[in-house]
Amino acid sequence: MISLNSEVQEKVLDEYVTRKVLLHQDSMMLVEFTFKKGGIGQPHSHEEHEQVGYIAEGVFEVTVGDQTKTLSRGDSYYAAKNEVHGVVALEDGIIIDAFTPIRKDFL
């Protein structure tokens, strides 16, 4: 399977954040979140999903569990099932998240 970003439908989540589901199959999903400075991924957790995030552009304050760090291009994070995590965009940026299993609520 091949996905062209330019052909993927973007969903506006709020005035600061958009989401694109780039690819998904039975057990894995790749999602692009685009943030404007000040955008927030509210702290939350997933009962069923593991998540790996990669900072493709920008600078973010990322919290996973009891750890908070400033991450920038090339940095990454992992949130286990039931682990509280969230982000704040310190400048415009893009985060690429992989989920397993897929987030059916995103489809």
N, C-alpha and C. Protein backbone atom coordinates (compact mmCIF):
# COMPACT_ATOMS: atom_id res chain seq x y z
N MET A 1 0.84 -1.18 0.00
CA MET A 1 0.00 0.00 0.00
C MET A 1 0.89 1.24 0.00
N ILE A 2 0.50 2.23 -0.78
CA ILE A 2 1.22 3.49 -0.88
C ILE A 2 0.22 4.62 -0.66
N SER A 3 0.64 5.64 0.08
CA SER A 3 -0.23 6.78 0.34
C SER A 3 0.50 8.06 -0.06
N LEU A 4 -0.17 8.93 -0.80
CA LEU A 4 0.35 10.25 -1.14
C LEU A 4 -0.29 11.27 -0.22
N ASN A 5 0.53 11.98 0.56
CA ASN A 5 0.02 12.95 1.53
C ASN A 5 -0.91 13.96 0.86
N SER A 6 -0.59 14.37 -0.34
CA SER A 6 -1.39 15.38 -1.04
C SER A 6 -2.80 14.89 -1.36
N GLU A 7 -3.02 13.57 -1.31
CA GLU A 7 -4.33 13.02 -1.62
C GLU A 7 -5.15 12.63 -0.39
N VAL A 8 -4.57 12.84 0.79
CA VAL A 8 -5.25 12.44 2.04
C VAL A 8 -6.12 13.60 2.54
N GLN A 9 -7.35 13.28 2.90
CA GLN A 9 -8.30 14.27 3.43
C GLN A 9 -7.85 14.75 4.81
N GLU A 10 -7.83 16.05 5.01
CA GLU A 10 -7.46 16.64 6.28
C GLU A 10 -8.72 16.92 7.11
N LYS A 11 -8.64 16.62 8.41
CA LYS A 11 -9.76 16.92 9.31
C LYS A 11 -9.32 18.03 10.27
N VAL A 12 -10.09 19.09 10.33
CA VAL A 12 -9.80 20.20 11.23
C VAL A 12 -10.34 19.84 12.61
N LEU A 13 -9.44 19.78 13.60
CA LEU A 13 -9.85 19.45 14.97
C LEU A 13 -10.22 20.69 15.77
N ASP A 14 -9.49 21.77 15.55
CA ASP A 14 -9.81 23.07 16.13
C ASP A 14 -9.01 24.11 15.35
N GLU A 15 -8.99 25.35 15.82
CA GLU A 15 -8.31 26.41 15.06
C GLU A 15 -6.79 26.24 15.03
N TYR A 16 -6.24 25.32 15.83
CA TYR A 16 -4.80 25.13 15.91
C TYR A 16 -4.31 23.78 15.39
N VAL A 17 -5.19 22.81 15.26
CA VAL A 17 -4.76 21.43 14.99
C VAL A 17 -5.58 20.79 13.87
N THR A 18 -4.86 20.12 12.95
CA THR A 18 -5.52 19.30 11.93
C THR A 18 -4.93 17.89 11.98
N ARG A 19 -5.68 16.94 11.42
CA ARG A 19 -5.27 15.53 11.44
C ARG A 19 -5.46 14.92 10.06
N LYS A 20 -4.48 14.11 9.64
CA LYS A 20 -4.59 13.30 8.43
C LYS A 20 -4.26 11.86 8.78
N VAL A 21 -5.16 10.94 8.47
CA VAL A 21 -4.87 9.51 8.61
C VAL A 21 -4.15 9.11 7.33
N LEU A 22 -2.83 8.92 7.43
CA LEU A 22 -2.02 8.67 6.24
C LEU A 22 -2.18 7.25 5.71
N LEU A 23 -2.14 6.29 6.61
CA LEU A 23 -2.26 4.87 6.24
C LEU A 23 -2.85 4.10 7.40
N HIS A 24 -3.55 3.02 7.09
CA HIS A 24 -3.96 2.10 8.14
C HIS A 24 -4.24 0.74 7.52
N GLN A 25 -3.98 -0.27 8.31
CA GLN A 25 -4.32 -1.64 7.99
C GLN A 25 -4.96 -2.23 9.24
N ASP A 26 -5.02 -3.54 9.33
CA ASP A 26 -5.72 -4.19 10.43
C ASP A 26 -5.19 -3.82 11.81
N SER A 27 -3.87 -3.72 11.96
CA SER A 27 -3.32 -3.58 13.31
C SER A 27 -2.44 -2.34 13.51
N MET A 28 -2.27 -1.51 12.48
CA MET A 28 -1.38 -0.37 12.60
C MET A 28 -1.94 0.82 11.82
N MET A 29 -1.64 2.02 12.35
CA MET A 29 -2.14 3.25 11.73
C MET A 29 -1.07 4.33 11.83
N LEU A 30 -0.93 5.14 10.77
CA LEU A 30 -0.01 6.27 10.74
C LEU A 30 -0.82 7.55 10.55
N VAL A 31 -0.60 8.53 11.44
CA VAL A 31 -1.42 9.75 11.45
C VAL A 31 -0.50 10.97 11.54
N GLU A 32 -0.84 12.01 10.76
CA GLU A 32 -0.10 13.27 10.78
C GLU A 32 -0.96 14.33 11.47
N PHE A 33 -0.41 14.95 12.51
CA PHE A 33 -1.06 16.07 13.18
C PHE A 33 -0.26 17.33 12.87
N THR A 34 -0.94 18.35 12.37
CA THR A 34 -0.30 19.64 12.10
C THR A 34 -0.81 20.64 13.14
N PHE A 35 0.15 21.30 13.80
CA PHE A 35 -0.17 22.23 14.88
C PHE A 35 0.28 23.64 14.52
N LYS A 36 -0.54 24.62 14.86
CA LYS A 36 -0.09 26.00 14.89
C LYS A 36 0.43 26.26 16.29
N LYS A 37 1.34 27.23 16.42
CA LYS A 37 1.87 27.60 17.73
C LYS A 37 0.73 27.80 18.70
N GLY A 38 0.84 27.19 19.88
CA GLY A 38 -0.19 27.29 20.90
C GLY A 38 -1.20 26.15 20.87
N GLY A 39 -1.14 25.33 19.82
CA GLY A 39 -2.04 24.18 19.74
C GLY A 39 -1.75 23.17 20.84
N ILE A 40 -2.79 22.51 21.30
CA ILE A 40 -2.66 21.59 22.43
C ILE A 40 -3.26 20.23 22.07
N GLY A 41 -2.51 19.19 22.35
CA GLY A 41 -3.04 17.83 22.38
C GLY A 41 -3.30 17.55 23.85
N GLN A 42 -4.54 17.68 24.28
CA GLN A 42 -4.89 17.58 25.70
C GLN A 42 -4.40 16.26 26.30
N PRO A 43 -3.94 16.29 27.55
CA PRO A 43 -3.53 15.05 28.22
C PRO A 43 -4.66 14.02 28.21
N HIS A 44 -4.32 12.81 27.82
CA HIS A 44 -5.29 11.73 27.71
C HIS A 44 -4.54 10.41 27.73
N SER A 45 -5.28 9.31 27.76
CA SER A 45 -4.67 7.99 27.67
C SER A 45 -5.58 7.10 26.82
N HIS A 46 -5.04 5.97 26.40
CA HIS A 46 -5.79 5.02 25.57
C HIS A 46 -5.81 3.67 26.26
N GLU A 47 -6.97 3.10 26.46
CA GLU A 47 -7.07 1.78 27.07
C GLU A 47 -6.54 0.69 26.15
N GLU A 48 -6.73 0.85 24.84
CA GLU A 48 -6.41 -0.22 23.90
C GLU A 48 -5.19 0.03 23.04
N HIS A 49 -4.68 1.27 22.99
CA HIS A 49 -3.69 1.62 21.98
C HIS A 49 -2.33 1.97 22.56
N GLU A 50 -1.28 1.52 21.86
CA GLU A 50 0.07 2.01 22.08
C GLU A 50 0.32 3.07 21.02
N GLN A 51 1.17 4.05 21.34
CA GLN A 51 1.40 5.16 20.43
C GLN A 51 2.87 5.54 20.43
N VAL A 52 3.42 5.72 19.23
CA VAL A 52 4.77 6.26 19.05
C VAL A 52 4.62 7.54 18.27
N GLY A 53 5.25 8.62 18.74
CA GLY A 53 5.19 9.91 18.06
C GLY A 53 6.57 10.35 17.62
N TYR A 54 6.62 10.99 16.45
CA TYR A 54 7.86 11.49 15.87
C TYR A 54 7.66 12.97 15.52
N ILE A 55 8.53 13.83 16.00
CA ILE A 55 8.44 15.25 15.70
C ILE A 55 9.07 15.47 14.33
N ALA A 56 8.23 15.76 13.33
CA ALA A 56 8.71 15.96 11.97
C ALA A 56 9.15 17.41 11.74
N GLU A 57 8.46 18.34 12.40
CA GLU A 57 8.77 19.77 12.30
C GLU A 57 8.34 20.44 13.59
N GLY A 58 9.03 21.54 13.94
CA GLY A 58 8.60 22.35 15.06
C GLY A 58 9.20 21.94 16.39
N VAL A 59 8.67 22.57 17.44
CA VAL A 59 9.10 22.33 18.81
C VAL A 59 7.85 22.16 19.67
N PHE A 60 7.85 21.12 20.50
CA PHE A 60 6.70 20.78 21.33
C PHE A 60 7.14 20.50 22.75
N GLU A 61 6.30 20.86 23.71
CA GLU A 61 6.44 20.38 25.08
C GLU A 61 5.61 19.11 25.14
N VAL A 62 6.28 18.00 25.41
CA VAL A 62 5.62 16.69 25.39
C VAL A 62 5.65 16.11 26.80
N THR A 63 4.50 15.65 27.25
CA THR A 63 4.40 14.98 28.54
C THR A 63 3.96 13.54 28.31
N VAL A 64 4.70 12.61 28.87
CA VAL A 64 4.34 11.19 28.87
C VAL A 64 4.51 10.70 30.30
N GLY A 65 3.41 10.29 30.92
CA GLY A 65 3.48 9.88 32.32
C GLY A 65 3.90 11.06 33.18
N ASP A 66 4.94 10.87 33.99
CA ASP A 66 5.43 11.95 34.85
C ASP A 66 6.63 12.68 34.26
N GLN A 67 6.90 12.47 32.99
CA GLN A 67 8.06 13.07 32.33
C GLN A 67 7.59 14.13 31.32
N THR A 68 8.16 15.33 31.41
CA THR A 68 7.88 16.40 30.45
C THR A 68 9.19 16.92 29.90
N LYS A 69 9.28 16.98 28.55
CA LYS A 69 10.49 17.46 27.89
C LYS A 69 10.11 18.29 26.68
N THR A 70 11.03 19.14 26.26
CA THR A 70 10.88 19.89 25.02
C THR A 70 11.50 19.06 23.91
N LEU A 71 10.68 18.72 22.91
CA LEU A 71 11.14 17.90 21.79
C LEU A 71 11.09 18.72 20.51
N SER A 72 12.03 18.45 19.61
CA SER A 72 12.07 19.13 18.32
C SER A 72 12.34 18.11 17.22
N ARG A 73 12.46 18.59 16.00
CA ARG A 73 12.59 17.74 14.83
C ARG A 73 13.56 16.58 15.06
N GLY A 74 13.08 15.37 14.80
CA GLY A 74 13.89 14.17 14.95
C GLY A 74 13.71 13.45 16.27
N ASP A 75 13.09 14.11 17.25
CA ASP A 75 12.85 13.49 18.55
C ASP A 75 11.56 12.66 18.50
N SER A 76 11.42 11.75 19.46
CA SER A 76 10.26 10.88 19.46
C SER A 76 9.84 10.53 20.89
N TYR A 77 8.67 9.91 21.00
CA TYR A 77 8.16 9.50 22.31
C TYR A 77 7.29 8.26 22.13
N TYR A 78 7.08 7.57 23.25
CA TYR A 78 6.24 6.37 23.28
C TYR A 78 5.27 6.49 24.44
N ALA A 79 3.99 6.23 24.18
CA ALA A 79 2.97 6.20 25.23
C ALA A 79 2.36 4.80 25.24
N ALA A 80 2.54 4.11 26.35
CA ALA A 80 1.98 2.77 26.51
C ALA A 80 0.47 2.86 26.73
N LYS A 81 -0.18 1.72 26.68
CA LYS A 81 -1.61 1.67 26.99
C LYS A 81 -1.83 2.27 28.38
N ASN A 82 -2.87 3.08 28.52
CA ASN A 82 -3.27 3.70 29.78
C ASN A 82 -2.29 4.74 30.32
N GLU A 83 -1.26 5.12 29.56
CA GLU A 83 -0.30 6.12 30.03
C GLU A 83 -0.76 7.51 29.57
N VAL A 84 -0.90 8.43 30.51
CA VAL A 84 -1.34 9.78 30.18
C VAL A 84 -0.24 10.50 29.41
N HIS A 85 -0.64 11.15 28.31
CA HIS A 85 0.32 11.88 27.47
C HIS A 85 -0.39 13.05 26.81
N GLY A 86 0.38 14.08 26.44
CA GLY A 86 -0.18 15.25 25.78
C GLY A 86 0.95 16.12 25.25
N VAL A 87 0.59 17.10 24.39
CA VAL A 87 1.59 17.98 23.79
C VAL A 87 1.08 19.41 23.76
N VAL A 88 2.04 20.35 23.73
CA VAL A 88 1.76 21.76 23.50
C VAL A 88 2.73 22.21 22.42
N ALA A 89 2.22 22.84 21.36
CA ALA A 89 3.07 23.33 20.28
C ALA A 89 3.70 24.66 20.69
N LEU A 90 5.02 24.67 20.83
CA LEU A 90 5.74 25.89 21.18
C LEU A 90 6.01 26.75 19.95
N GLU A 91 5.88 26.13 18.77
CA GLU A 91 5.92 26.81 17.49
C GLU A 91 5.14 25.95 16.51
N ASP A 92 4.89 26.44 15.30
CA ASP A 92 4.20 25.63 14.30
C ASP A 92 4.96 24.33 14.10
N GLY A 93 4.24 23.22 13.91
CA GLY A 93 4.94 21.96 13.73
C GLY A 93 4.05 20.82 13.30
N ILE A 94 4.69 19.68 13.08
CA ILE A 94 4.01 18.46 12.65
C ILE A 94 4.50 17.29 13.49
N ILE A 95 3.56 16.48 13.96
CA ILE A 95 3.87 15.24 14.67
C ILE A 95 3.28 14.09 13.86
N ILE A 96 4.09 13.05 13.67
CA ILE A 96 3.63 11.83 13.02
C ILE A 96 3.47 10.79 14.12
N ASP A 97 2.25 10.26 14.27
CA ASP A 97 1.95 9.26 15.30
C ASP A 97 1.63 7.92 14.64
N ALA A 98 2.15 6.86 15.22
CA ALA A 98 1.78 5.50 14.83
C ALA A 98 1.02 4.88 15.99
N PHE A 99 -0.10 4.24 15.67
CA PHE A 99 -0.94 3.60 16.68
C PHE A 99 -1.09 2.12 16.37
N THR A 100 -1.10 1.32 17.42
CA THR A 100 -1.45 -0.08 17.29
C THR A 100 -2.28 -0.48 18.49
N PRO A 101 -3.43 -1.11 18.31
CA PRO A 101 -4.12 -1.31 17.03
C PRO A 101 -4.60 0.03 16.49
N ILE A 102 -5.30 0.01 15.36
CA ILE A 102 -5.74 1.25 14.74
C ILE A 102 -6.77 1.96 15.60
N ARG A 103 -6.84 3.28 15.42
CA ARG A 103 -7.83 4.12 16.09
C ARG A 103 -9.07 4.17 15.20
N LYS A 104 -10.02 3.30 15.43
CA LYS A 104 -11.23 3.28 14.61
C LYS A 104 -11.99 4.59 14.71
N ASP A 105 -11.83 5.30 15.83
CA ASP A 105 -12.52 6.58 16.00
C ASP A 105 -11.97 7.65 15.06
N PHE A 106 -10.80 7.43 14.47
CA PHE A 106 -10.23 8.38 13.51
C PHE A 106 -10.74 8.13 12.09
N LEU A 107 -11.36 6.99 11.85
CA LEU A 107 -11.79 6.64 10.48
C LEU A 107 -13.19 7.14 10.18
